[in-house]
Amino acid sequence: MAPHTVLVVDDDKLTRFSLSKILGHAGYRIRQAASATEGMAAIEKERPGIVLLDILLPDRDGFAVLRAI
């Protein structure tokens, strides 16, 4: 069975790295995005099982991204 994909959307590089490392070691496939725009593009390309979404993103409010998803 293929592992679930987790998309980590956060403009803070250390947060993305830390979450990705922890979840990757737990067996999840990880995708990262540094902005709402990158996150939405990643979702259009491959729909993840889980999205970890920062609320304060530089280009769009995280709640707006959540509504769009």
N, C-alpha and C. Protein backbone atom coordinates (compact mmCIF):
# COMPACT_ATOMS: atom_id res chain seq x y z
N MET A 1 0.84 -1.18 0.00
CA MET A 1 0.00 0.00 0.00
C MET A 1 0.88 1.24 0.00
N ALA A 2 0.59 2.19 -0.88
CA ALA A 2 1.38 3.41 -1.00
C ALA A 2 1.14 4.31 0.21
N PRO A 3 2.17 4.99 0.67
CA PRO A 3 1.99 5.90 1.81
C PRO A 3 1.15 7.10 1.42
N HIS A 4 0.45 7.64 2.40
CA HIS A 4 -0.33 8.86 2.17
C HIS A 4 0.61 10.03 1.93
N THR A 5 0.16 10.97 1.12
CA THR A 5 0.94 12.17 0.85
C THR A 5 0.48 13.30 1.76
N VAL A 6 1.44 13.97 2.36
CA VAL A 6 1.18 15.13 3.20
C VAL A 6 1.79 16.35 2.51
N LEU A 7 0.98 17.39 2.35
CA LEU A 7 1.48 18.65 1.81
C LEU A 7 1.65 19.63 2.97
N VAL A 8 2.87 20.10 3.15
CA VAL A 8 3.18 21.08 4.20
C VAL A 8 3.30 22.44 3.53
N VAL A 9 2.39 23.35 3.87
CA VAL A 9 2.38 24.70 3.31
C VAL A 9 2.71 25.69 4.42
N ASP A 10 3.91 26.23 4.37
CA ASP A 10 4.36 27.19 5.38
C ASP A 10 5.49 28.02 4.79
N ASP A 11 5.46 29.32 5.05
CA ASP A 11 6.51 30.18 4.52
C ASP A 11 7.80 30.11 5.34
N ASP A 12 7.73 29.50 6.52
CA ASP A 12 8.93 29.36 7.35
C ASP A 12 9.67 28.07 6.96
N LYS A 13 10.87 28.24 6.46
CA LYS A 13 11.65 27.11 5.95
C LYS A 13 11.94 26.07 7.04
N LEU A 14 12.26 26.51 8.24
CA LEU A 14 12.58 25.58 9.33
C LEU A 14 11.34 24.76 9.73
N THR A 15 10.19 25.39 9.75
CA THR A 15 8.95 24.67 10.07
C THR A 15 8.68 23.60 9.02
N ARG A 16 8.79 23.97 7.73
CA ARG A 16 8.59 23.00 6.66
C ARG A 16 9.57 21.84 6.78
N PHE A 17 10.82 22.17 7.02
CA PHE A 17 11.85 21.14 7.14
C PHE A 17 11.56 20.20 8.31
N SER A 18 11.25 20.76 9.47
CA SER A 18 11.02 19.96 10.67
C SER A 18 9.82 19.03 10.51
N LEU A 19 8.71 19.59 10.05
CA LEU A 19 7.51 18.77 9.86
C LEU A 19 7.75 17.69 8.81
N SER A 20 8.42 18.05 7.74
CA SER A 20 8.70 17.10 6.67
C SER A 20 9.59 15.96 7.15
N LYS A 21 10.59 16.29 7.94
CA LYS A 21 11.50 15.27 8.45
C LYS A 21 10.77 14.31 9.38
N ILE A 22 9.99 14.84 10.31
CA ILE A 22 9.26 14.00 11.27
C ILE A 22 8.25 13.10 10.54
N LEU A 23 7.47 13.69 9.65
CA LEU A 23 6.43 12.93 8.95
C LEU A 23 7.05 11.94 7.95
N GLY A 24 8.15 12.34 7.34
CA GLY A 24 8.85 11.43 6.43
C GLY A 24 9.36 10.19 7.15
N HIS A 25 9.90 10.39 8.34
CA HIS A 25 10.37 9.25 9.13
C HIS A 25 9.21 8.36 9.58
N ALA A 26 8.02 8.94 9.67
CA ALA A 26 6.83 8.17 10.06
C ALA A 26 6.25 7.41 8.87
N GLY A 27 6.82 7.60 7.68
CA GLY A 27 6.40 6.83 6.53
C GLY A 27 5.52 7.56 5.52
N TYR A 28 5.27 8.84 5.74
CA TYR A 28 4.45 9.61 4.80
C TYR A 28 5.30 10.13 3.65
N ARG A 29 4.67 10.27 2.49
CA ARG A 29 5.30 10.98 1.36
C ARG A 29 5.06 12.46 1.60
N ILE A 30 6.08 13.26 1.44
CA ILE A 30 5.98 14.68 1.78
C ILE A 30 6.13 15.54 0.54
N ARG A 31 5.29 16.55 0.43
CA ARG A 31 5.41 17.63 -0.55
C ARG A 31 5.44 18.92 0.25
N GLN A 32 6.18 19.90 -0.24
CA GLN A 32 6.32 21.17 0.47
C GLN A 32 5.94 22.34 -0.43
N ALA A 33 5.42 23.39 0.20
CA ALA A 33 5.13 24.63 -0.52
C ALA A 33 5.41 25.79 0.44
N ALA A 34 6.02 26.85 -0.09
CA ALA A 34 6.39 28.00 0.72
C ALA A 34 5.38 29.14 0.65
N SER A 35 4.33 28.97 -0.15
CA SER A 35 3.32 30.02 -0.28
C SER A 35 1.98 29.39 -0.64
N ALA A 36 0.94 30.19 -0.56
CA ALA A 36 -0.39 29.72 -0.95
C ALA A 36 -0.41 29.36 -2.43
N THR A 37 0.23 30.16 -3.25
CA THR A 37 0.28 29.90 -4.69
C THR A 37 0.94 28.56 -4.98
N GLU A 38 2.08 28.30 -4.35
CA GLU A 38 2.77 27.02 -4.53
C GLU A 38 1.92 25.87 -4.01
N GLY A 39 1.26 26.09 -2.88
CA GLY A 39 0.42 25.04 -2.31
C GLY A 39 -0.75 24.68 -3.21
N MET A 40 -1.41 25.68 -3.77
CA MET A 40 -2.54 25.42 -4.66
C MET A 40 -2.07 24.71 -5.93
N ALA A 41 -0.90 25.09 -6.44
CA ALA A 41 -0.34 24.42 -7.62
C ALA A 41 -0.02 22.96 -7.31
N ALA A 42 0.51 22.71 -6.12
CA ALA A 42 0.84 21.34 -5.72
C ALA A 42 -0.42 20.50 -5.59
N ILE A 43 -1.50 21.09 -5.09
CA ILE A 43 -2.77 20.37 -4.93
C ILE A 43 -3.36 20.05 -6.30
N GLU A 44 -3.25 20.98 -7.24
CA GLU A 44 -3.77 20.72 -8.59
C GLU A 44 -2.98 19.61 -9.28
N LYS A 45 -1.69 19.54 -9.00
CA LYS A 45 -0.82 18.54 -9.63
C LYS A 45 -1.07 17.15 -9.03
N GLU A 46 -1.15 17.07 -7.72
CA GLU A 46 -1.36 15.79 -7.03
C GLU A 46 -2.12 16.06 -5.74
N ARG A 47 -3.32 15.53 -5.63
CA ARG A 47 -4.16 15.77 -4.46
C ARG A 47 -3.61 15.00 -3.26
N PRO A 48 -3.16 15.72 -2.21
CA PRO A 48 -2.60 15.04 -1.04
C PRO A 48 -3.72 14.48 -0.15
N GLY A 49 -3.34 13.55 0.72
CA GLY A 49 -4.28 13.02 1.69
C GLY A 49 -4.49 13.98 2.85
N ILE A 50 -3.44 14.73 3.17
CA ILE A 50 -3.46 15.66 4.30
C ILE A 50 -2.74 16.94 3.89
N VAL A 51 -3.27 18.09 4.33
CA VAL A 51 -2.61 19.37 4.12
C VAL A 51 -2.37 20.01 5.47
N LEU A 52 -1.12 20.30 5.79
CA LEU A 52 -0.78 21.08 6.98
C LEU A 52 -0.55 22.50 6.48
N LEU A 53 -1.43 23.41 6.89
CA LEU A 53 -1.51 24.73 6.29
C LEU A 53 -1.29 25.84 7.30
N ASP A 54 -0.30 26.67 7.06
CA ASP A 54 -0.06 27.85 7.88
C ASP A 54 -1.18 28.86 7.63
N ILE A 55 -1.58 29.58 8.65
CA ILE A 55 -2.64 30.58 8.50
C ILE A 55 -2.10 31.89 7.94
N LEU A 56 -0.89 32.26 8.35
CA LEU A 56 -0.30 33.53 7.91
C LEU A 56 0.72 33.28 6.81
N LEU A 57 0.27 33.34 5.58
CA LEU A 57 1.14 33.15 4.43
C LEU A 57 1.37 34.49 3.75
N PRO A 58 2.49 34.66 3.06
CA PRO A 58 2.81 35.97 2.50
C PRO A 58 1.89 36.43 1.37
N ASP A 59 1.32 35.49 0.62
CA ASP A 59 0.55 35.89 -0.55
C ASP A 59 -0.95 35.68 -0.42
N ARG A 60 -1.40 35.00 0.64
CA ARG A 60 -2.82 34.74 0.79
C ARG A 60 -3.08 34.21 2.20
N ASP A 61 -4.22 34.55 2.75
CA ASP A 61 -4.61 34.06 4.07
C ASP A 61 -4.84 32.55 4.02
N GLY A 62 -4.36 31.82 5.01
CA GLY A 62 -4.52 30.38 5.03
C GLY A 62 -5.98 29.93 5.03
N PHE A 63 -6.87 30.72 5.65
CA PHE A 63 -8.29 30.37 5.65
C PHE A 63 -8.88 30.46 4.24
N ALA A 64 -8.41 31.40 3.44
CA ALA A 64 -8.86 31.50 2.05
C ALA A 64 -8.39 30.28 1.25
N VAL A 65 -7.17 29.83 1.53
CA VAL A 65 -6.66 28.64 0.87
C VAL A 65 -7.50 27.43 1.28
N LEU A 66 -7.82 27.33 2.54
CA LEU A 66 -8.63 26.22 3.04
C LEU A 66 -10.00 26.19 2.35
N ARG A 67 -10.62 27.35 2.20
CA ARG A 67 -11.91 27.41 1.51
C ARG A 67 -11.77 26.98 0.05
N ALA A 68 -10.68 27.36 -0.58
CA ALA A 68 -10.44 26.99 -1.98
C ALA A 68 -10.21 25.49 -2.15
N ILE A 69 -9.56 24.91 -1.18
CA ILE A 69 -9.30 23.46 -1.23
C ILE A 69 -10.62 22.71 -1.13
